C-alpha atoms as a PDB file:
ATOM      1  CA  UNK A   1      -4.600  -5.521   6.046  1.00  0.00           C
ATOM      2  CA  UNK A   2      -4.844  -7.970   3.121  1.00  0.00           C
ATOM      3  CA  UNK A   3      -7.984  -6.328   1.734  1.00  0.00           C
ATOM      4  CA  UNK A   4      -6.420  -2.857   2.138  1.00  0.00           C
ATOM      5  CA  UNK A   5      -3.414  -4.085   0.136  1.00  0.00           C
ATOM      6  CA  UNK A   6      -5.682  -5.390  -2.637  1.00  0.00           C
ATOM      7  CA  UNK A   7      -7.569  -2.085  -2.712  1.00  0.00           C
ATOM      8  CA  UNK A   8      -4.318  -0.103  -2.970  1.00  0.00           C
ATOM      9  CA  UNK A   9      -3.154  -2.367  -5.818  1.00  0.00           C
ATOM     10  CA  UNK A  10      -6.393  -1.840  -7.743  1.00  0.00           C
ATOM     11  CA  UNK A  11      -6.234   1.936  -7.162  1.00  0.00           C
ATOM     12  CA  UNK A  12      -2.673   2.135  -8.555  1.00  0.00           C
ATOM     13  CA  UNK A  13      -3.225   3.085 -12.201  1.00  0.00           C
ATOM     14  CA  UNK A  14      -1.054   5.137 -14.568  1.00  0.00           C
ATOM     15  CA  UNK A  15      -1.763   8.810 -13.936  1.00  0.00           C
ATOM     16  CA  UNK A  16      -3.292   8.231 -10.497  1.00  0.00           C
ATOM     17  CA  UNK A  17      -1.719  10.444  -7.813  1.00  0.00           C
ATOM     18  CA  UNK A  18       0.071   8.486  -5.091  1.00  0.00           C
ATOM     19  CA  UNK A  19      -2.117  10.226  -2.492  1.00  0.00           C
ATOM     20  CA  UNK A  20      -5.209   8.578  -4.021  1.00  0.00           C
ATOM     21  CA  UNK A  21      -3.701   5.098  -3.602  1.00  0.00           C
ATOM     22  CA  UNK A  22      -3.066   5.849   0.079  1.00  0.00           C
ATOM     23  CA  UNK A  23      -6.585   7.283   0.436  1.00  0.00           C
ATOM     24  CA  UNK A  24      -8.167   4.143  -1.062  1.00  0.00           C
ATOM     25  CA  UNK A  25      -6.456   1.777   1.397  1.00  0.00           C
ATOM     26  CA  UNK A  26      -6.946   4.115   4.359  1.00  0.00           C
ATOM     27  CA  UNK A  27     -10.656   4.630   3.574  1.00  0.00           C
ATOM     28  CA  UNK A  28     -11.184   0.879   3.697  1.00  0.00           C
ATOM     29  CA  UNK A  29      -9.417   0.601   7.075  1.00  0.00           C
ATOM     30  CA  UNK A  30     -11.442   3.533   8.421  1.00  0.00           C
ATOM     31  CA  UNK A  31     -14.653   1.801   7.289  1.00  0.00           C
ATOM     32  CA  UNK A  32     -13.605  -1.076   9.553  1.00  0.00           C
ATOM     33  CA  UNK A  33     -13.144   1.211  12.578  1.00  0.00           C
ATOM     34  CA  UNK A  34      -9.418   2.008  12.364  1.00  0.00           C
ATOM     35  CA  UNK A  35      -7.949   5.510  12.345  1.00  0.00           C
ATOM     36  CA  UNK A  36      -9.219   7.949  11.302  1.00  0.00           C
ATOM     37  CA  UNK A  37      -6.416   9.227   9.156  1.00  0.00           C
ATOM     38  CA  UNK A  38      -2.998   8.348  10.527  1.00  0.00           C
ATOM     39  CA  UNK A  39      -4.183   7.757  14.112  1.00  0.00           C
ATOM     40  CA  UNK A  40      -3.929   4.562  16.140  1.00  0.00           C
ATOM     41  CA  UNK A  41      -5.381   2.050  16.265  1.00  0.00           C
ATOM     42  CA  UNK A  42      -4.949   1.814  12.532  1.00  0.00           C
ATOM     43  CA  UNK A  43      -2.363   2.693   9.887  1.00  0.00           C
ATOM     44  CA  UNK A  44      -0.037   5.421  11.265  1.00  0.00           C
ATOM     45  CA  UNK A  45       2.391   5.366   8.332  1.00  0.00           C
ATOM     46  CA  UNK A  46       2.296   5.588   4.540  1.00  0.00           C
ATOM     47  CA  UNK A  47       0.743   2.770   2.522  1.00  0.00           C
ATOM     48  CA  UNK A  48       3.870   2.297   0.395  1.00  0.00           C
ATOM     49  CA  UNK A  49       6.904   3.843  -1.229  1.00  0.00           C
ATOM     50  CA  UNK A  50       9.089   3.830  -4.289  1.00  0.00           C
ATOM     51  CA  UNK A  51      11.838   1.236  -4.650  1.00  0.00           C
ATOM     52  CA  UNK A  52      14.946   1.947  -6.692  1.00  0.00           C
ATOM     53  CA  UNK A  53      18.546   2.547  -5.712  1.00  0.00           C
ATOM     54  CA  UNK A  54      17.354   3.065  -2.138  1.00  0.00           C
ATOM     55  CA  UNK A  55      15.053   0.763  -0.208  1.00  0.00           C
ATOM     56  CA  UNK A  56      12.693   3.638   0.610  1.00  0.00           C
ATOM     57  CA  UNK A  57      12.475   6.512  -1.843  1.00  0.00           C
ATOM     58  CA  UNK A  58       9.910   8.716  -3.574  1.00  0.00           C
ATOM     59  CA  UNK A  59       7.241   8.527  -4.656  1.00  0.00           C
ATOM     60  CA  UNK A  60       5.278   7.666  -1.516  1.00  0.00           C
ATOM     61  CA  UNK A  61       1.760   6.296  -1.117  1.00  0.00           C
ATOM     62  CA  UNK A  62       0.897   8.969   1.440  1.00  0.00           C
ATOM     63  CA  UNK A  63      -1.782  11.638   1.594  1.00  0.00           C
ATOM     64  CA  UNK A  64       0.600  14.493   0.779  1.00  0.00           C
ATOM     65  CA  UNK A  65       2.225  13.026  -2.374  1.00  0.00           C
ATOM     66  CA  UNK A  66       0.606  14.245  -5.614  1.00  0.00           C
ATOM     67  CA  UNK A  67       3.067  12.333  -7.842  1.00  0.00           C
ATOM     68  CA  UNK A  68       1.184  10.607 -10.677  1.00  0.00           C
ATOM     69  CA  UNK A  69       2.014   6.942 -11.204  1.00  0.00           C
ATOM     70  CA  UNK A  70       3.745   6.087 -14.463  1.00  0.00           C
ATOM     71  CA  UNK A  71       4.899   2.973 -16.300  1.00  0.00           C
ATOM     72  CA  UNK A  72       8.303   1.801 -15.106  1.00  0.00           C
ATOM     73  CA  UNK A  73       7.851   2.800 -11.456  1.00  0.00           C
ATOM     74  CA  UNK A  74       8.565   0.154  -8.817  1.00  0.00           C
ATOM     75  CA  UNK A  75       6.776   0.493  -5.481  1.00  0.00           C
ATOM     76  CA  UNK A  76       5.907  -1.290  -2.265  1.00  0.00           C
ATOM     77  CA  UNK A  77       2.289  -1.850  -1.252  1.00  0.00           C
ATOM     78  CA  UNK A  78       2.418  -2.253   2.526  1.00  0.00           C
ATOM     79  CA  UNK A  79      -0.617  -1.225   4.528  1.00  0.00           C
ATOM     80  CA  UNK A  80      -0.652  -2.283   8.144  1.00  0.00           C
ATOM     81  CA  UNK A  81      -2.857  -2.317  11.185  1.00  0.00           C
ATOM     82  CA  UNK A  82      -1.423  -1.468  14.594  1.00  0.00           C
ATOM     83  CA  UNK A  83      -3.325  -1.799  17.860  1.00  0.00           C
ATOM     84  CA  UNK A  84      -1.152  -0.465  20.724  1.00  0.00           C
ATOM     85  CA  UNK A  85      -0.521  -2.986  23.481  1.00  0.00           C
ATOM     86  CA  UNK A  86      -1.981  -5.820  21.413  1.00  0.00           C
ATOM     87  CA  UNK A  87      -0.362  -6.383  18.014  1.00  0.00           C
ATOM     88  CA  UNK A  88       0.668  -4.964  14.682  1.00  0.00           C
ATOM     89  CA  UNK A  89       0.772  -6.444  11.212  1.00  0.00           C
ATOM     90  CA  UNK A  90       2.109  -5.121   7.936  1.00  0.00           C
ATOM     91  CA  UNK A  91       1.829  -6.919   4.616  1.00  0.00           C
ATOM     92  CA  UNK A  92       4.495  -5.792   2.164  1.00  0.00           C
ATOM     93  CA  UNK A  93       4.639  -6.850  -1.459  1.00  0.00           C
ATOM     94  CA  UNK A  94       6.248  -5.043  -4.367  1.00  0.00           C
ATOM     95  CA  UNK A  95       4.765  -4.048  -7.690  1.00  0.00           C
ATOM     96  CA  UNK A  96       5.831  -2.397 -10.913  1.00  0.00           C
ATOM     97  CA  UNK A  97       3.704  -0.134 -13.055  1.00  0.00           C
ATOM     98  CA  UNK A  98       2.981  -0.881 -16.701  1.00  0.00           C
ATOM     99  CA  UNK A  99       1.005   1.221 -19.180  1.00  0.00           C
ATOM    100  CA  UNK A 100      -1.961  -1.077 -18.423  1.00  0.00           C
ATOM    101  CA  UNK A 101      -1.651  -0.928 -14.638  1.00  0.00           C
ATOM    102  CA  UNK A 102       0.223  -2.559 -11.764  1.00  0.00           C
ATOM    103  CA  UNK A 103       1.803  -6.012 -11.795  1.00  0.00           C
ATOM    104  CA  UNK A 104       3.182  -7.902  -8.801  1.00  0.00           C
ATOM    105  CA  UNK A 105       6.829  -8.894  -8.857  1.00  0.00           C
ATOM    106  CA  UNK A 106       5.712 -11.968  -6.903  1.00  0.00           C
ATOM    107  CA  UNK A 107       2.049 -12.772  -6.318  1.00  0.00           C
ATOM    108  CA  UNK A 108       1.165 -12.133  -2.634  1.00  0.00           C
ATOM    109  CA  UNK A 109       0.395 -15.130  -0.455  1.00  0.00           C
ATOM    110  CA  UNK A 110      -3.332 -15.720  -0.024  1.00  0.00           C
ATOM    111  CA  UNK A 111      -2.982 -17.151   3.499  1.00  0.00           C
ATOM    112  CA  UNK A 112      -0.401 -16.982   6.277  1.00  0.00           C
ATOM    113  CA  UNK A 113      -0.321 -20.799   6.345  1.00  0.00           C
ATOM    114  CA  UNK A 114       0.520 -20.962   2.622  1.00  0.00           C
ATOM    115  CA  UNK A 115       3.122 -18.231   1.992  1.00  0.00           C
ATOM    116  CA  UNK A 116       4.195 -19.668  -1.359  1.00  0.00           C
ATOM    117  CA  UNK A 117       0.801 -20.476  -2.860  1.00  0.00           C
END
């Protein structure tokens, strides 16, 4: 899930459709044997969503959202992996878009044993 989150972050560029960000993360997970698409085991939900006045709002990092990313947008980047009957994990960190690309509000933890760096 961590690598899928990094891939989604790198794919999030001004002008990039939200669906392409979702596709980038999902393609990585599929290359590792999850899915395909939104099937389990794998990532059955969107890769992220807009954050504003509501906790979950458009635009969405999902295959059906053509919204182009633009400077000033705030979004979650939260791919997950779910294996029914075994476990599920979702890493959620928030970013904001600049004219140069995405920036983290808070840098994601590199390891579960060191959540604050």
